[in-house]
Amino acid sequence: MGSTPDDDVDVLVAGAGPVGLMAALHLARAGVSVRLVDAASGPGTTSRALGAHARSLEIYDQTGLLGEIAPHGTRVNAFVRHQGAHTSRTDFDFDGLPTRFPYMFNIDQVVIERVLRGQVAAAGVRVEWATRLESFDQDDQGVTAVLRTGDGPSAEHETVRAKFLWGCDGGHSTVRKSLRLPLEGDSAHTWLIADAIVHTDLARDGVHWLFPAGGALMLFPFPEAGKWRLLDTTGDGDAGRPERIAEQFSTKLSQALGRDTVVETPSWTSEFTIQQRAVPAMRVGRCFVSGDAAHVHSPASGQGLNTGIQDATNLAWKLAMVVRGDADPTLLETYDAERVPIGQALLASTGEVMDTAMVDAAPGDAGTTDADRGFARQLIRNMSGLTIAYPDSPLTVPAGVGEGPRPGQRLVQVTAADAQSPGWTMLRAALRTPAWHLLLFADADADADADADAGAGRGHAAAQAAPLPAWVEKVTISRGRQDRCVWDLDGRLHGTLAVTDGDWILVRPDGYVSARGSGDAELRTALDSLPGLDQSEPAA
């Protein structure tokens, strides 16, 4: 489905926060034309989201952003609960969740956006600031949108024709409201948030829960020395009077810790009404919503930005395939099928965090019971994003019970030690291209050059005669040093992926396993079962 001469652009993205920037980056790298507009006059300068969880870090790594982000953050490894004179520390438990990033990474959203803007610009997309999406209409062929640049008598209006409209425009989303998608759920509490220098000796590798009289406090460390995010679940105080807020937090922290603690005047304050809401659908025709435009949560578990980044990574490659003609619009139905249940599930998990953050523990038992440790472990599982999977997706071909990543799960279930092996290092580099990847596990004696050039080969090289669609990139993995292969010299790839010579794994562009098996027949069956995808071979 290529653009018609009447289309100004393939995809119009409303909102240039982290979700819109990630959406535009994925689309542009896949060869899709994008316009990225935002009603704000320029980039945000005040802190908002802070924590990046393990799955988001995996996405940043696959997208090639991690090297620019990593120097600007700090690792958080534990929950620390203060109950009078009792202090308990519960280290994050990632047991059973193999990842290169077994921690929470605190980094200012301002930094994330700055890195993304640089990458978006390098991909040829310009952020159009002070440009508001005023209205739009859609038909069977596309979306007609009206943009307004500037305000007052000098404002200019422009009509844009796009194949698709993607709303990444936040909690007050124009796209969501115009589509009449309700945000269903509750708003029960108002919390006070402030970013400030705190004179304290609290460990800076933990999230701290404290319980002064009347309510609970939470503290999250910034990368900057001495700087913390403070969260007061009582909602007391006037966010417009930062000096008074500093006094209030100083008093409460001193009481909770039993020693004088000084909080300097905050650099940013906000009264945050806790919303636990999500839309029942994230797609209406040719229009989509992602991030806070589709679901809003308590800030306690830091899910907003992380979930939005995952939304963008899920949808972008699907839109790109439809725009390029590699798939028909049936593929876009999988966005709702996969991401709406994730948003709904997060309402329950973040609601549980919110309730727990406001509850005092019994004296002497703070964080020491099996129930507390179990809650902390479940909290990490929910926050990390590592358990998100799509086993029931139309894009998942069941493969039964077995070891290694199963269809519907993320491929890179690997520890940092394994990820640094030659095979995993080469494979992770190969997976950075925005395409489907077919991993073929050949034995060390197979003729890799013939396999790469002509699809012939000897021994147990998998699926070598099967013609592949144009949207699949083949990655041959050998136990030996063969040209144009990933070298699994120490066997760690074969071991962690639980494969033998002759097996194959089909990986989606977002890093999730779509299918796995052995031989041409199983591969052909798997490819043919994927909805809406063009199975044509590349033109000669």
Protein backbone atom coordinates (compact mmCIF):
# COMPACT_ATOMS: atom_id res chain seq x y z
CA MET A 1 0.00 0.00 0.00
CA GLY A 2 2.21 2.84 -1.20
CA SER A 3 1.36 6.52 -0.98
CA THR A 4 -0.88 7.93 -3.71
CA PRO A 5 0.01 11.21 -5.44
CA ASP A 6 -2.61 12.92 -3.27
CA ASP A 7 -0.88 11.96 -0.01
CA ASP A 8 1.32 14.63 1.54
CA VAL A 9 2.87 12.15 3.94
CA ASP A 10 2.57 8.51 4.93
CA VAL A 11 2.10 9.04 8.68
CA LEU A 12 1.25 12.19 10.62
CA VAL A 13 2.41 11.86 14.23
CA ALA A 14 0.86 14.22 16.78
CA GLY A 15 3.04 14.73 19.85
CA ALA A 16 6.83 15.01 20.04
CA GLY A 17 7.35 13.61 23.50
CA PRO A 18 9.27 10.35 23.95
CA VAL A 19 6.49 8.21 22.47
CA GLY A 20 6.00 10.35 19.37
CA LEU A 21 9.76 10.64 18.88
CA MET A 22 10.21 6.87 19.14
CA ALA A 23 7.33 6.35 16.71
CA ALA A 24 8.83 8.78 14.20
CA LEU A 25 12.29 7.24 14.55
CA HIS A 26 11.10 3.69 13.88
CA LEU A 27 8.99 4.82 10.90
CA ALA A 28 11.71 6.96 9.31
CA ARG A 29 14.32 4.22 9.64
CA ALA A 30 11.89 1.86 7.89
CA GLY A 31 11.60 4.22 4.92
CA VAL A 32 8.22 5.75 5.80
CA SER A 33 7.66 9.49 5.33
CA VAL A 34 6.67 11.22 8.59
CA ARG A 35 5.52 14.61 9.82
CA LEU A 36 5.96 15.12 13.55
CA VAL A 37 4.02 18.02 15.09
CA ASP A 38 3.64 19.29 18.64
CA ALA A 39 1.53 22.11 20.06
CA ALA A 40 4.27 23.13 22.52
CA SER A 41 6.62 25.96 21.59
CA GLY A 42 9.66 23.74 22.13
CA PRO A 43 11.10 20.77 24.01
CA GLY A 44 10.22 20.21 27.65
CA THR A 45 12.81 21.41 30.16
CA THR A 46 11.27 20.23 33.43
CA SER A 47 11.56 16.71 34.75
CA ARG A 48 8.71 14.28 34.27
CA ALA A 49 9.20 10.53 33.90
CA LEU A 50 12.32 9.22 35.63
CA GLY A 51 12.64 5.42 35.62
CA ALA A 52 13.57 3.28 32.61
CA HIS A 53 12.84 -0.40 33.17
CA ALA A 54 14.60 -3.46 31.79
CA ARG A 55 12.41 -4.00 28.71
CA SER A 56 12.76 -0.34 27.71
CA LEU A 57 16.54 -0.62 28.05
CA GLU A 58 16.45 -3.64 25.74
CA ILE A 59 14.51 -1.56 23.21
CA TYR A 60 16.97 1.34 23.52
CA ASP A 61 19.80 -1.13 22.91
CA GLN A 62 18.14 -2.69 19.86
CA THR A 63 17.40 0.80 18.51
CA GLY A 64 21.04 1.81 18.97
CA LEU A 65 20.30 4.50 21.59
CA LEU A 66 21.67 2.93 24.74
CA GLY A 67 25.21 4.21 24.31
CA GLU A 68 23.96 7.81 24.30
CA ILE A 69 21.59 7.27 27.22
CA ALA A 70 23.71 5.20 29.60
CA PRO A 71 26.15 7.92 30.77
CA HIS A 72 23.27 10.07 32.03
CA GLY A 73 21.50 7.68 34.40
CA THR A 74 21.92 5.78 37.64
CA ARG A 75 21.06 2.20 38.59
CA VAL A 76 18.49 1.44 41.25
CA ASN A 77 18.67 -2.05 42.73
CA ALA A 78 16.45 -2.22 45.82
CA PHE A 79 13.37 -1.15 47.76
CA VAL A 80 14.22 0.36 51.17
CA ARG A 81 11.44 0.66 53.71
CA HIS A 82 11.79 2.88 56.79
CA GLN A 83 9.48 2.13 59.70
CA GLY A 84 10.41 4.15 62.75
CA ALA A 85 13.78 2.86 63.91
CA HIS A 86 13.51 -0.16 61.63
CA THR A 87 14.96 -0.09 58.12
CA SER A 88 14.77 -3.00 55.70
CA ARG A 89 16.24 -3.40 52.24
CA THR A 90 14.82 -5.78 49.64
CA ASP A 91 17.11 -6.16 46.65
CA PHE A 92 15.42 -6.48 43.28
CA ASP A 93 14.81 -10.13 42.46
CA PHE A 94 15.12 -10.92 38.74
CA ASP A 95 15.27 -14.68 39.30
CA GLY A 96 13.72 -16.38 36.27
CA LEU A 97 13.83 -13.15 34.25
CA PRO A 98 17.12 -13.28 32.32
CA THR A 99 18.08 -9.83 31.06
CA ARG A 100 21.19 -7.75 30.53
CA PHE A 101 19.57 -5.04 32.67
CA PRO A 102 18.52 -6.48 36.07
CA TYR A 103 17.81 -3.09 37.61
CA MET A 104 15.79 0.09 37.22
CA PHE A 105 17.67 2.88 35.45
CA ASN A 106 16.78 6.36 36.62
CA ILE A 107 17.27 8.93 33.88
CA ASP A 108 15.52 12.23 33.32
CA GLN A 109 12.91 12.24 30.55
CA VAL A 110 14.54 15.44 29.27
CA VAL A 111 17.65 13.40 28.41
CA ILE A 112 15.64 10.63 26.71
CA GLU A 113 13.88 13.19 24.55
CA ARG A 114 17.13 14.98 23.67
CA VAL A 115 18.73 11.74 22.48
CA LEU A 116 15.63 10.77 20.50
CA ARG A 117 15.40 14.20 18.86
CA GLY A 118 18.96 13.86 17.67
CA GLN A 119 18.28 10.43 16.19
CA VAL A 120 15.02 11.59 14.59
CA ALA A 121 16.80 14.53 12.98
CA ALA A 122 19.51 12.18 11.69
CA ALA A 123 16.76 10.06 10.14
CA GLY A 124 15.47 13.12 8.26
CA VAL A 125 12.46 14.12 10.38
CA ARG A 126 12.03 17.65 11.71
CA VAL A 127 9.95 18.33 14.82
CA GLU A 128 7.40 21.03 13.96
CA TRP A 129 6.94 22.94 17.23
CA ALA A 130 4.02 25.32 17.92
CA THR A 131 1.99 23.27 15.43
CA ARG A 132 -1.31 22.00 16.81
CA LEU A 133 -3.52 19.28 15.38
CA GLU A 134 -6.87 21.08 15.35
CA SER A 135 -9.13 18.56 13.66
CA PHE A 136 -9.18 15.63 11.29
CA ASP A 137 -11.46 13.38 9.25
CA GLN A 138 -10.72 9.95 7.90
CA ASP A 139 -12.01 7.90 5.00
CA ASP A 140 -11.13 4.54 3.46
CA GLN A 141 -8.01 5.93 1.80
CA GLY A 142 -6.49 8.18 4.44
CA VAL A 143 -6.80 11.02 6.95
CA THR A 144 -7.29 14.71 6.25
CA ALA A 145 -5.95 16.81 9.13
CA VAL A 146 -5.98 20.54 9.84
CA LEU A 147 -2.85 21.92 11.51
CA ARG A 148 -2.53 25.34 13.12
CA THR A 149 0.86 26.98 13.51
CA GLY A 150 1.12 29.89 15.94
CA ASP A 151 -1.65 31.69 17.83
CA GLY A 152 -3.86 34.74 17.43
CA PRO A 153 -4.37 36.68 14.20
CA SER A 154 -1.01 35.53 12.82
CA ALA A 155 -1.88 31.84 13.14
CA GLU A 156 -1.61 29.84 9.94
CA HIS A 157 -3.72 26.84 9.02
CA GLU A 158 -2.67 23.96 6.81
CA THR A 159 -4.56 20.95 5.52
CA VAL A 160 -2.52 17.76 5.38
CA ARG A 161 -3.40 14.47 3.74
CA ALA A 162 -1.83 11.39 5.36
CA LYS A 163 -2.24 7.66 5.02
CA PHE A 164 -2.40 7.32 8.81
CA LEU A 165 -2.65 9.51 11.92
CA TRP A 166 -0.86 8.47 15.10
CA GLY A 167 -1.84 10.21 18.34
CA CYS A 168 1.06 10.37 20.81
CA ASP A 169 -0.29 13.60 22.25
CA GLY A 170 -0.55 12.79 25.95
CA GLY A 171 -3.26 12.55 28.57
CA HIS A 172 -5.33 15.36 27.02
CA SER A 173 -5.03 13.80 23.55
CA THR A 174 -6.86 15.57 20.73
CA VAL A 175 -6.74 12.36 18.72
CA ARG A 176 -8.31 10.25 21.45
CA LYS A 177 -11.04 12.79 22.17
CA SER A 178 -11.87 13.24 18.49
CA LEU A 179 -12.13 9.46 18.09
CA ARG A 180 -14.43 9.40 21.14
CA LEU A 181 -12.35 6.77 22.85
CA PRO A 182 -13.19 6.86 26.57
CA LEU A 183 -10.50 6.63 29.22
CA GLU A 184 -12.15 4.09 31.49
CA GLY A 185 -11.15 3.67 35.12
CA ASP A 186 -10.77 5.73 38.30
CA SER A 187 -9.07 8.82 39.70
CA ALA A 188 -9.00 8.50 43.45
CA HIS A 189 -6.03 10.38 44.94
CA THR A 190 -3.91 13.48 44.50
CA TRP A 191 -0.19 13.22 45.25
CA LEU A 192 2.43 15.94 45.53
CA ILE A 193 5.68 15.52 43.58
CA ALA A 194 8.85 17.59 43.85
CA ASP A 195 12.42 17.37 42.50
CA ALA A 196 14.95 18.77 44.95
CA ILE A 197 18.37 18.48 46.55
CA VAL A 198 18.05 16.59 49.84
CA HIS A 199 20.78 16.60 52.49
CA THR A 200 20.63 12.96 53.55
CA ASP A 201 22.76 9.85 53.77
CA LEU A 202 20.10 7.57 52.28
CA ALA A 203 21.48 4.94 49.89
CA ARG A 204 21.23 6.22 46.33
CA ASP A 205 20.75 2.82 44.73
CA GLY A 206 17.29 2.29 46.21
CA VAL A 207 13.70 3.49 46.11
CA HIS A 208 12.80 4.59 49.66
CA TRP A 209 9.40 4.33 51.36
CA LEU A 210 8.92 6.33 54.55
CA PHE A 211 5.98 6.78 56.91
CA PRO A 212 5.71 10.05 58.81
CA ALA A 213 2.46 10.76 60.64
CA GLY A 214 -0.51 11.06 58.30
CA GLY A 215 0.76 9.39 55.15
CA ALA A 216 3.58 7.90 53.12
CA LEU A 217 6.54 9.38 51.27
CA MET A 218 8.58 7.89 48.45
CA LEU A 219 12.05 8.99 47.35
CA PHE A 220 13.67 8.18 43.99
CA PRO A 221 17.32 9.10 43.29
CA PHE A 222 18.30 11.22 40.31
CA PRO A 223 21.69 10.70 38.64
CA GLU A 224 22.74 14.16 39.83
CA ALA A 225 24.48 14.20 43.21
CA GLY A 226 22.10 14.89 46.08
CA LYS A 227 19.01 15.24 43.89
CA TRP A 228 15.86 13.22 44.62
CA ARG A 229 12.29 12.97 43.44
CA LEU A 230 10.01 13.24 46.46
CA LEU A 231 6.45 11.97 46.40
CA ASP A 232 3.91 12.71 49.15
CA THR A 233 0.87 10.46 48.95
CA THR A 234 -1.20 12.78 51.18
CA GLY A 235 -1.22 15.45 48.48
CA ASP A 236 -0.63 18.11 51.15
CA GLY A 237 0.82 21.43 50.08
CA ASP A 238 0.60 24.03 47.33
CA ALA A 239 2.77 23.11 44.34
CA GLY A 240 2.86 26.79 43.40
CA ARG A 241 4.83 27.65 46.57
CA PRO A 242 8.10 25.68 46.30
CA GLU A 243 9.67 27.23 49.43
CA ARG A 244 6.78 25.98 51.55
CA ILE A 245 7.00 22.59 49.86
CA ALA A 246 10.68 22.38 50.85
CA GLU A 247 9.78 23.10 54.48
CA GLN A 248 7.00 20.51 54.40
CA PHE A 249 9.20 17.74 53.02
CA SER A 250 12.01 18.66 55.43
CA THR A 251 9.67 18.29 58.40
CA LYS A 252 8.17 15.00 57.23
CA LEU A 253 11.51 13.43 56.31
CA SER A 254 13.05 14.48 59.62
CA GLN A 255 10.16 12.89 61.46
CA ALA A 256 10.25 9.66 59.41
CA LEU A 257 14.04 9.23 59.66
CA GLY A 258 14.43 10.41 63.24
CA ARG A 259 17.13 12.94 62.32
CA ASP A 260 17.25 16.43 60.88
CA THR A 261 16.91 16.31 57.10
CA VAL A 262 16.97 19.44 54.94
CA VAL A 263 15.23 19.68 51.57
CA GLU A 264 16.27 22.59 49.38
CA THR A 265 13.79 24.60 47.30
CA PRO A 266 12.55 22.25 44.56
CA SER A 267 13.44 22.85 40.93
CA TRP A 268 10.05 21.44 39.93
CA THR A 269 6.80 20.66 41.75
CA SER A 270 3.47 19.25 40.66
CA GLU A 271 0.17 18.16 42.12
CA PHE A 272 -0.60 14.88 40.40
CA THR A 273 -4.13 13.48 40.37
CA ILE A 274 -3.76 9.72 40.20
CA GLN A 275 -5.48 8.41 37.11
CA GLN A 276 -5.93 4.69 36.59
CA ARG A 277 -7.56 4.69 33.17
CA ALA A 278 -7.18 3.04 29.77
CA VAL A 279 -9.01 3.09 26.44
CA PRO A 280 -10.95 0.02 25.26
CA ALA A 281 -9.37 0.30 21.79
CA MET A 282 -6.18 1.90 20.48
CA ARG A 283 -7.12 1.94 16.81
CA VAL A 284 -10.10 3.42 14.96
CA GLY A 285 -9.77 2.97 11.22
CA ARG A 286 -6.60 4.74 10.11
CA CYS A 287 -6.04 6.48 13.43
CA PHE A 288 -4.10 5.19 16.46
CA VAL A 289 -3.27 6.27 19.99
CA SER A 290 -0.24 5.35 22.11
CA GLY A 291 1.29 6.21 25.46
CA ASP A 292 -0.60 8.54 27.79
CA ALA A 293 -3.10 9.16 25.01
CA ALA A 294 -4.21 5.54 25.52
CA HIS A 295 -3.52 4.78 29.19
CA VAL A 296 -2.58 6.76 32.30
CA HIS A 297 -1.30 5.27 35.53
CA SER A 298 0.00 6.09 38.98
CA PRO A 299 3.59 7.43 38.84
CA ALA A 300 4.64 5.13 41.70
CA SER A 301 5.83 2.30 39.44
CA GLY A 302 7.05 4.44 36.55
CA GLN A 303 5.04 2.75 33.81
CA GLY A 304 3.86 5.68 31.69
CA LEU A 305 6.90 6.41 29.51
CA ASN A 306 8.00 2.77 29.47
CA THR A 307 4.64 1.48 28.27
CA GLY A 308 4.43 4.23 25.65
CA ILE A 309 7.86 3.32 24.26
CA GLN A 310 6.67 -0.28 23.95
CA ASP A 311 3.45 0.87 22.22
CA ALA A 312 5.48 2.78 19.65
CA THR A 313 7.85 -0.12 19.07
CA ASN A 314 4.90 -2.48 18.58
CA LEU A 315 2.98 -0.38 16.05
CA ALA A 316 5.68 1.33 13.98
CA TRP A 317 6.91 -1.73 12.08
CA LYS A 318 3.35 -2.80 11.33
CA LEU A 319 2.49 0.60 9.86
CA ALA A 320 5.73 0.55 7.88
CA MET A 321 4.92 -2.84 6.35
CA VAL A 322 1.45 -1.66 5.30
CA VAL A 323 2.78 1.61 3.85
CA ARG A 324 5.50 -0.21 1.88
CA GLY A 325 3.03 -2.78 0.55
CA ASP A 326 4.54 -5.70 2.45
CA ALA A 327 1.25 -6.26 4.29
CA ASP A 328 -2.40 -5.36 4.00
CA PRO A 329 -4.32 -3.49 6.76
CA THR A 330 -5.24 -6.79 8.43
CA LEU A 331 -1.84 -6.61 10.11
CA LEU A 332 -2.86 -3.43 11.93
CA GLU A 333 -5.56 -5.32 13.83
CA THR A 334 -2.80 -6.96 15.84
CA TYR A 335 -1.94 -3.63 17.51
CA ASP A 336 -5.22 -3.66 19.43
CA ALA A 337 -5.02 -7.41 19.98
CA GLU A 338 -1.57 -7.15 21.55
CA ARG A 339 -1.44 -3.79 23.31
CA VAL A 340 -4.95 -3.18 24.71
CA PRO A 341 -4.67 -6.13 27.15
CA ILE A 342 -1.28 -4.79 28.29
CA GLY A 343 -2.81 -1.40 29.15
CA GLN A 344 -5.66 -3.06 31.02
CA ALA A 345 -3.31 -5.31 32.99
CA LEU A 346 -1.22 -2.32 34.03
CA LEU A 347 -4.25 -0.73 35.68
CA ALA A 348 -4.36 -3.60 38.15
CA SER A 349 -0.62 -3.80 38.80
CA THR A 350 -0.03 -0.05 39.22
CA GLY A 351 -3.15 0.21 41.36
CA GLU A 352 -1.69 -2.40 43.70
CA VAL A 353 1.55 -0.42 43.91
CA MET A 354 -0.38 2.75 44.69
CA ASP A 355 -2.34 1.08 47.48
CA THR A 356 0.77 -0.48 49.00
CA ALA A 357 2.72 2.79 48.87
CA MET A 358 0.10 4.39 51.09
CA VAL A 359 -0.03 1.63 53.73
CA ASP A 360 2.12 1.56 56.84
CA ALA A 361 3.76 -1.72 57.85
CA ALA A 362 3.50 -3.28 61.29
CA PRO A 363 6.28 -2.06 63.64
CA GLY A 364 9.22 -4.43 63.66
CA ASP A 365 8.05 -6.31 60.57
CA ALA A 366 8.94 -3.78 57.88
CA GLY A 367 9.95 -5.65 54.75
CA THR A 368 10.92 -8.82 56.61
CA THR A 369 7.95 -11.11 55.94
CA ASP A 370 7.60 -13.60 53.12
CA ALA A 371 4.56 -11.63 51.96
CA ASP A 372 6.63 -8.44 51.71
CA ARG A 373 9.37 -10.19 49.77
CA GLY A 374 6.80 -11.83 47.53
CA PHE A 375 5.16 -8.50 46.82
CA ALA A 376 8.53 -6.94 45.99
CA ARG A 377 9.35 -9.78 43.61
CA GLN A 378 5.98 -9.51 41.87
CA LEU A 379 6.39 -5.75 41.66
CA ILE A 380 9.71 -6.15 39.81
CA ARG A 381 8.12 -8.64 37.42
CA ASN A 382 5.35 -6.17 36.63
CA MET A 383 7.55 -3.07 36.45
CA SER A 384 10.35 -4.55 34.36
CA GLY A 385 8.20 -5.32 31.31
CA LEU A 386 10.11 -8.58 30.86
CA THR A 387 7.04 -10.77 31.32
CA ILE A 388 5.07 -9.01 28.57
CA ALA A 389 4.36 -11.58 25.88
CA TYR A 390 1.93 -12.18 23.04
CA PRO A 391 1.18 -15.92 23.13
CA ASP A 392 -2.36 -15.43 21.81
CA SER A 393 -1.48 -12.95 19.06
CA PRO A 394 -2.41 -13.79 15.46
CA LEU A 395 1.30 -13.23 14.75
CA THR A 396 2.32 -16.02 17.12
CA VAL A 397 2.59 -19.59 15.82
CA PRO A 398 2.39 -21.99 18.80
CA ALA A 399 5.28 -24.42 19.17
CA GLY A 400 4.37 -26.36 22.27
CA VAL A 401 6.30 -26.57 25.50
CA GLY A 402 10.07 -26.38 25.39
CA GLU A 403 13.20 -24.64 26.57
CA GLY A 404 14.40 -21.27 25.33
CA PRO A 405 12.26 -18.31 24.19
CA ARG A 406 8.84 -19.53 23.08
CA PRO A 407 6.69 -17.95 20.35
CA GLY A 408 5.16 -14.76 21.71
CA GLN A 409 8.06 -14.10 24.07
CA ARG A 410 11.04 -11.74 23.65
CA LEU A 411 13.98 -13.38 21.95
CA VAL A 412 16.78 -11.81 23.97
CA GLN A 413 16.20 -13.60 27.27
CA VAL A 414 19.87 -13.51 28.12
CA THR A 415 22.08 -12.37 30.99
CA ALA A 416 24.79 -9.76 30.60
CA ALA A 417 27.48 -12.46 30.70
CA ASP A 418 25.87 -14.46 27.89
CA ALA A 419 25.10 -11.31 25.89
CA GLN A 420 28.81 -10.51 25.71
CA SER A 421 29.67 -13.81 24.03
CA PRO A 422 30.77 -13.56 20.37
CA GLY A 423 27.58 -15.13 19.07
CA TRP A 424 25.17 -12.95 21.03
CA THR A 425 27.21 -9.82 20.31
CA MET A 426 27.02 -10.47 16.56
CA LEU A 427 23.35 -11.46 16.69
CA ARG A 428 22.29 -8.39 18.65
CA ALA A 429 24.02 -6.23 16.04
CA ALA A 430 22.22 -8.06 13.22
CA LEU A 431 18.83 -7.57 14.91
CA ARG A 432 19.19 -3.77 14.85
CA THR A 433 17.98 -3.56 11.25
CA PRO A 434 14.21 -2.80 11.14
CA ALA A 435 13.08 -6.10 9.61
CA TRP A 436 11.83 -9.57 10.36
CA HIS A 437 14.76 -11.93 10.90
CA LEU A 438 14.93 -15.64 10.21
CA LEU A 439 17.63 -17.21 12.34
CA LEU A 440 19.00 -20.36 10.68
CA PHE A 441 21.17 -22.65 12.79
CA ALA A 442 23.65 -24.39 10.52
CA ASP A 443 26.23 -26.95 11.59
CA ALA A 444 29.91 -26.03 11.44
CA ASP A 445 30.47 -28.06 8.26
CA ALA A 446 27.66 -26.50 6.23
CA ASP A 447 28.68 -24.49 3.17
CA ALA A 448 27.68 -21.09 4.49
CA ASP A 449 28.64 -19.19 1.35
CA ALA A 450 26.45 -21.36 -0.83
CA ASP A 451 23.66 -21.03 1.70
CA ALA A 452 23.91 -17.26 1.73
CA ASP A 453 24.13 -16.93 -2.04
CA ALA A 454 21.95 -19.66 -3.44
CA GLY A 455 19.98 -21.24 -0.62
CA ALA A 456 21.73 -24.58 -1.17
CA GLY A 457 24.15 -25.85 1.50
CA ARG A 458 24.94 -29.15 3.10
CA GLY A 459 24.54 -30.87 6.43
CA HIS A 460 21.83 -29.63 8.78
CA ALA A 461 21.50 -25.99 7.74
CA ALA A 462 17.84 -25.20 8.32
CA ALA A 463 15.22 -24.20 5.77
CA GLN A 464 17.82 -23.56 3.09
CA ALA A 465 15.60 -24.27 0.12
CA ALA A 466 12.59 -22.34 1.36
CA PRO A 467 11.93 -19.13 -0.62
CA LEU A 468 11.60 -16.19 1.75
CA PRO A 469 9.33 -13.13 1.43
CA ALA A 470 10.97 -9.80 0.67
CA TRP A 471 10.45 -8.53 4.23
CA VAL A 472 12.53 -11.30 5.87
CA GLU A 473 16.28 -11.01 6.44
CA LYS A 474 18.13 -14.31 6.82
CA VAL A 475 20.73 -14.65 9.56
CA THR A 476 22.74 -17.87 9.45
CA ILE A 477 24.29 -18.92 12.74
CA SER A 478 27.23 -21.30 12.66
CA ARG A 479 29.36 -22.93 15.33
CA GLY A 480 32.41 -22.18 13.20
CA ARG A 481 34.07 -19.12 11.65
CA GLN A 482 32.21 -18.99 8.35
CA ASP A 483 31.79 -15.96 6.14
CA ARG A 484 28.50 -14.09 6.31
CA CYS A 485 27.47 -15.96 9.44
CA VAL A 486 27.03 -15.20 13.10
CA TRP A 487 29.79 -17.13 14.89
CA ASP A 488 28.55 -19.06 17.91
CA LEU A 489 32.05 -20.22 18.81
CA ASP A 490 31.31 -21.07 22.44
CA GLY A 491 27.82 -22.45 21.80
CA ARG A 492 26.09 -19.92 24.05
CA LEU A 493 23.60 -18.91 21.37
CA HIS A 494 22.58 -22.50 20.78
CA GLY A 495 22.38 -23.09 24.51
CA THR A 496 20.38 -20.05 25.58
CA LEU A 497 18.02 -20.32 22.61
CA ALA A 498 17.69 -24.09 23.11
CA VAL A 499 18.27 -24.98 19.45
CA THR A 500 20.11 -27.68 17.56
CA ASP A 501 21.60 -27.62 14.08
CA GLY A 502 18.80 -27.53 11.55
CA ASP A 503 16.41 -25.41 13.69
CA TRP A 504 15.15 -21.94 12.84
CA ILE A 505 13.56 -19.04 14.75
CA LEU A 506 11.44 -16.31 13.13
CA VAL A 507 11.81 -12.98 14.97
CA ARG A 508 9.57 -9.94 14.57
CA PRO A 509 11.07 -6.45 14.11
CA ASP A 510 10.25 -5.61 17.74
CA GLY A 511 12.32 -8.53 19.01
CA TYR A 512 9.54 -11.00 19.85
CA VAL A 513 9.60 -14.58 18.58
CA SER A 514 6.85 -15.25 16.06
CA ALA A 515 7.59 -18.93 15.37
CA ARG A 516 10.27 -21.59 15.75
CA GLY A 517 10.76 -25.03 14.32
CA SER A 518 12.90 -27.15 12.02
CA GLY A 519 12.95 -27.64 8.27
CA ASP A 520 11.36 -26.04 5.23
CA ALA A 521 7.87 -27.44 5.66
CA GLU A 522 7.39 -26.04 9.17
CA LEU A 523 8.82 -22.69 8.08
CA ARG A 524 6.51 -22.45 5.10
CA THR A 525 3.49 -23.29 7.25
CA ALA A 526 4.48 -20.66 9.80
CA LEU A 527 4.97 -17.92 7.19
CA ASP A 528 1.67 -18.70 5.48
CA SER A 529 -0.21 -18.45 8.78
CA LEU A 530 0.80 -14.84 9.48
CA PRO A 531 -2.19 -12.57 8.78
CA GLY A 532 -2.02 -9.90 6.10
CA LEU A 533 1.64 -10.38 5.16
CA ASP A 534 2.70 -10.54 1.50
CA GLN A 535 4.46 -13.85 0.89
CA SER A 536 6.00 -12.80 -2.44
CA GLU A 537 9.70 -13.37 -2.96
CA PRO A 538 11.96 -10.40 -3.75
CA ALA A 539 11.99 -9.34 -7.38
CA ALA A 540 15.00 -10.66 -9.29
